[in-house]
Protein backbone atom coordinates (compact mmCIF):
# COMPACT_ATOMS: atom_id res chain seq x y z
CA UNK A 1 2.34 22.10 -1.08
CA UNK A 2 0.28 19.22 -0.08
CA UNK A 3 1.78 16.84 -2.40
CA UNK A 4 5.06 17.57 -0.58
CA UNK A 5 3.90 16.73 2.88
CA UNK A 6 3.85 12.83 4.06
CA UNK A 7 0.67 11.37 5.16
CA UNK A 8 1.41 11.57 8.96
CA UNK A 9 2.01 15.47 8.32
CA UNK A 10 -1.17 15.77 6.25
CA UNK A 11 -2.66 13.96 9.25
CA UNK A 12 -1.37 16.15 11.87
CA UNK A 13 -2.45 19.11 9.44
CA UNK A 14 -6.19 17.87 9.33
CA UNK A 15 -6.13 17.69 12.89
CA UNK A 16 -4.64 21.08 13.40
CA UNK A 17 -7.55 22.81 11.21
CA UNK A 18 -6.01 22.87 7.72
CA UNK A 19 -8.92 22.54 5.50
CA UNK A 20 -7.59 20.48 2.50
CA UNK A 21 -5.40 18.09 4.13
CA UNK A 22 -7.94 15.10 4.51
CA UNK A 23 -8.74 15.29 1.28
CA UNK A 24 -5.14 14.96 -0.07
CA UNK A 25 -5.04 11.79 2.29
CA UNK A 26 -8.27 10.68 0.58
CA UNK A 27 -7.02 11.31 -2.88
CA UNK A 28 -3.88 9.57 -2.25
CA UNK A 29 -5.51 6.19 -0.67
CA UNK A 30 -8.95 6.07 -2.00
CA UNK A 31 -8.14 3.49 -4.58
CA UNK A 32 -6.74 1.32 -2.11
CA UNK A 33 -9.28 1.70 0.76
CA UNK A 34 -12.22 1.16 -2.12
CA UNK A 35 -10.65 -2.08 -2.99
CA UNK A 36 -9.93 -3.18 0.78
CA UNK A 37 -13.73 -2.33 1.39
CA UNK A 38 -14.84 -4.46 -1.93
CA UNK A 39 -12.77 -7.64 -0.70
CA UNK A 40 -14.26 -7.23 2.80
CA UNK A 41 -17.88 -6.48 1.98
CA UNK A 42 -20.62 -9.10 1.02
CA UNK A 43 -21.90 -6.32 -1.92
CA UNK A 44 -20.77 -3.17 -3.52
CA UNK A 45 -23.52 -1.20 -1.37
CA UNK A 46 -22.16 -2.59 1.55
CA UNK A 47 -18.56 -2.00 0.58
CA UNK A 48 -19.66 1.57 -0.28
CA UNK A 49 -21.67 2.36 2.94
CA UNK A 50 -18.85 0.79 5.08
CA UNK A 51 -15.83 3.14 3.31
CA UNK A 52 -18.12 6.02 4.12
CA UNK A 53 -18.59 5.42 7.66
CA UNK A 54 -14.86 4.42 7.90
CA UNK A 55 -13.86 7.72 6.34
CA UNK A 56 -16.23 9.87 8.70
CA UNK A 57 -14.61 7.78 11.32
CA UNK A 58 -11.23 8.49 10.71
CA UNK A 59 -11.82 12.06 9.77
CA UNK A 60 -13.38 12.55 13.66
CA UNK A 61 -10.70 10.24 15.36
CA UNK A 62 -7.61 11.64 13.61
CA UNK A 63 -6.29 13.46 16.75
CA UNK A 64 -6.15 9.78 18.37
CA UNK A 65 -3.47 8.77 15.57
CA UNK A 66 -0.24 8.11 17.51
CA UNK A 67 2.19 7.19 14.39
CA UNK A 68 3.01 3.84 15.59
CA UNK A 69 1.83 2.63 12.17
CA UNK A 70 1.76 4.21 8.78
CA UNK A 71 -1.29 6.11 7.91
CA UNK A 72 -2.34 4.16 5.32
CA UNK A 73 -2.37 1.02 7.66
CA UNK A 74 -4.15 3.07 10.18
CA UNK A 75 -6.76 3.75 7.52
CA UNK A 76 -7.08 0.02 6.29
CA UNK A 77 -7.88 -0.97 9.47
CA UNK A 78 -10.48 1.20 9.88
CA UNK A 79 -12.10 0.47 6.54
CA UNK A 80 -11.69 -3.32 7.53
CA UNK A 81 -13.53 -2.74 11.00
CA UNK A 82 -16.25 -0.84 9.45
CA UNK A 83 -16.77 -3.58 6.94
CA UNK A 84 -16.93 -6.28 9.76
CA UNK A 85 -19.50 -4.40 11.99
CA UNK A 86 -21.83 -3.79 8.95
CA UNK A 87 -21.60 -7.57 8.19
CA UNK A 88 -22.17 -8.21 11.88
CA UNK A 89 -24.94 -5.86 11.56
CA UNK A 90 -26.55 -7.11 8.64
CA UNK A 91 -26.20 -10.84 9.31
CA UNK A 92 -27.46 -11.46 5.65
CA UNK A 93 -25.65 -13.66 2.83
CA UNK A 94 -23.79 -12.55 0.13
CA UNK A 95 -25.79 -11.42 -3.09
CA UNK A 96 -23.65 -10.99 -6.05
CA UNK A 97 -24.13 -8.02 -7.83
CA UNK A 98 -23.92 -8.46 -11.76
CA UNK A 99 -24.39 -4.86 -12.66
CA UNK A 100 -22.30 -3.58 -15.75
CA UNK A 101 -19.81 -1.64 -13.69
CA UNK A 102 -18.61 -4.85 -11.77
CA UNK A 103 -18.23 -7.07 -14.98
CA UNK A 104 -14.80 -7.12 -16.06
CA UNK A 105 -14.18 -5.97 -19.58
CA UNK A 106 -13.40 -8.89 -22.01
CA UNK A 107 -9.91 -9.05 -23.30
CA UNK A 108 -10.55 -12.22 -25.71
CA UNK A 109 -13.95 -12.80 -26.30
CA UNK A 110 -13.00 -16.91 -25.98
CA UNK A 111 -11.66 -16.35 -22.67
CA UNK A 112 -14.04 -13.74 -21.54
CA UNK A 113 -16.80 -16.35 -20.39
CA UNK A 114 -14.10 -18.55 -18.78
CA UNK A 115 -12.48 -15.60 -16.83
CA UNK A 116 -15.62 -14.66 -15.42
CA UNK A 117 -16.79 -18.11 -14.45
CA UNK A 118 -13.51 -18.81 -12.74
CA UNK A 119 -13.68 -15.22 -10.96
CA UNK A 120 -17.21 -16.15 -9.84
CA UNK A 121 -16.31 -19.36 -8.48
CA UNK A 122 -13.40 -17.87 -6.77
CA UNK A 123 -15.37 -15.00 -5.19
CA UNK A 124 -17.77 -17.61 -3.93
CA UNK A 125 -15.18 -19.76 -2.32
CA UNK A 126 -13.70 -16.46 -0.66
CA UNK A 127 -16.91 -15.26 0.42
CA UNK A 128 -17.80 -18.58 1.86
CA UNK A 129 -14.89 -18.07 4.83
CA UNK A 130 -16.06 -16.70 8.10
CA UNK A 131 -15.14 -12.78 7.99
CA UNK A 132 -12.23 -12.95 10.45
CA UNK A 133 -10.31 -15.68 8.13
CA UNK A 134 -11.30 -13.53 4.85
CA UNK A 135 -9.92 -10.39 6.13
CA UNK A 136 -6.62 -11.95 7.37
CA UNK A 137 -6.21 -13.83 4.13
CA UNK A 138 -6.96 -10.68 1.93
CA UNK A 139 -4.51 -8.74 3.96
CA UNK A 140 -1.65 -11.26 3.75
CA UNK A 141 -2.39 -13.04 0.42
CA UNK A 142 -4.31 -10.29 -1.75
CA UNK A 143 -2.95 -7.28 -0.34
CA UNK A 144 0.46 -7.96 0.18
CA UNK A 145 1.04 -7.11 3.77
CA UNK A 146 3.22 -9.04 6.18
CA UNK A 147 1.81 -11.02 9.03
CA UNK A 148 2.91 -8.35 11.47
CA UNK A 149 1.51 -5.69 9.59
CA UNK A 150 -1.70 -7.61 9.29
CA UNK A 151 -1.55 -8.23 12.84
CA UNK A 152 -1.42 -4.15 13.68
CA UNK A 153 -4.07 -3.35 11.23
CA UNK A 154 -6.45 -5.84 12.54
CA UNK A 155 -5.54 -5.92 16.56
CA UNK A 156 -4.92 -9.65 16.81
CA UNK A 157 -1.54 -11.41 17.58
CA UNK A 158 0.56 -12.58 14.82
CA UNK A 159 0.16 -16.07 15.36
CA UNK A 160 -3.95 -15.63 15.14
CA UNK A 161 -3.25 -14.02 11.94
CA UNK A 162 -1.02 -17.09 10.70
CA UNK A 163 -3.88 -19.66 11.82
CA UNK A 164 -6.44 -17.67 10.22
CA UNK A 165 -4.92 -17.86 7.07
CA UNK A 166 -3.93 -21.42 7.20
CA UNK A 167 -7.35 -22.27 7.98
CA UNK A 168 -8.88 -19.83 5.38
CA UNK A 169 -6.52 -21.55 2.70
CA UNK A 170 -7.41 -24.81 3.56
CA UNK A 171 -11.08 -24.19 3.51
CA UNK A 172 -10.68 -22.11 0.01
CA UNK A 173 -8.82 -25.40 -1.20
CA UNK A 174 -11.27 -27.95 -0.02
CA UNK A 175 -14.30 -25.50 -1.65
CA UNK A 176 -12.42 -24.84 -5.26
CA UNK A 177 -12.03 -28.33 -5.11
CA UNK A 178 -15.80 -29.18 -4.41
CA UNK A 179 -16.87 -26.56 -6.98
CA UNK A 180 -14.33 -28.09 -9.49
CA UNK A 181 -15.79 -31.42 -9.31
CA UNK A 182 -19.29 -31.29 -7.34
CA UNK A 183 -19.51 -35.21 -7.75
CA UNK A 184 -16.83 -35.68 -4.94
CA UNK A 185 -18.57 -35.17 -2.23
CA UNK A 186 -17.23 -36.68 1.22
């Protein structure tokens, strides 16, 4: 029966005390929320902690959901805010985790190192952005949300999302050009 319910119905069932309703919501959206936390946080550990904080917050505040947005968008916004809160609390620089579970499986031995190097360069450039620009860019360009959806999720005007994305794209371009040719310093 839980598979037949919409996300909104599951959230209402959770608020009404149905025992497994929130668990079903998490099952449906866990992968997306984990990827959101990873893209927003500096480390896997911070992503895991932020996701846990966000899910506890969503569990406790489910009654405040007003169905003005999709449940997935509501959960997404809670995860992003939890990640940003942790970044503000930690005020540390990003550490790149090189544990085996974070490394991609090589598809072709000749290309594996080039892909890894490119991934590290792009990650370094992405995480050099200020958190507000990075979260806007991730929401719009990587997650595929519209400007209006990102605006609602992040709680800022659509124009702010557009300007943050534009500034982030400009900074990324400059940073990637610099990393490609470090002798080209201005």
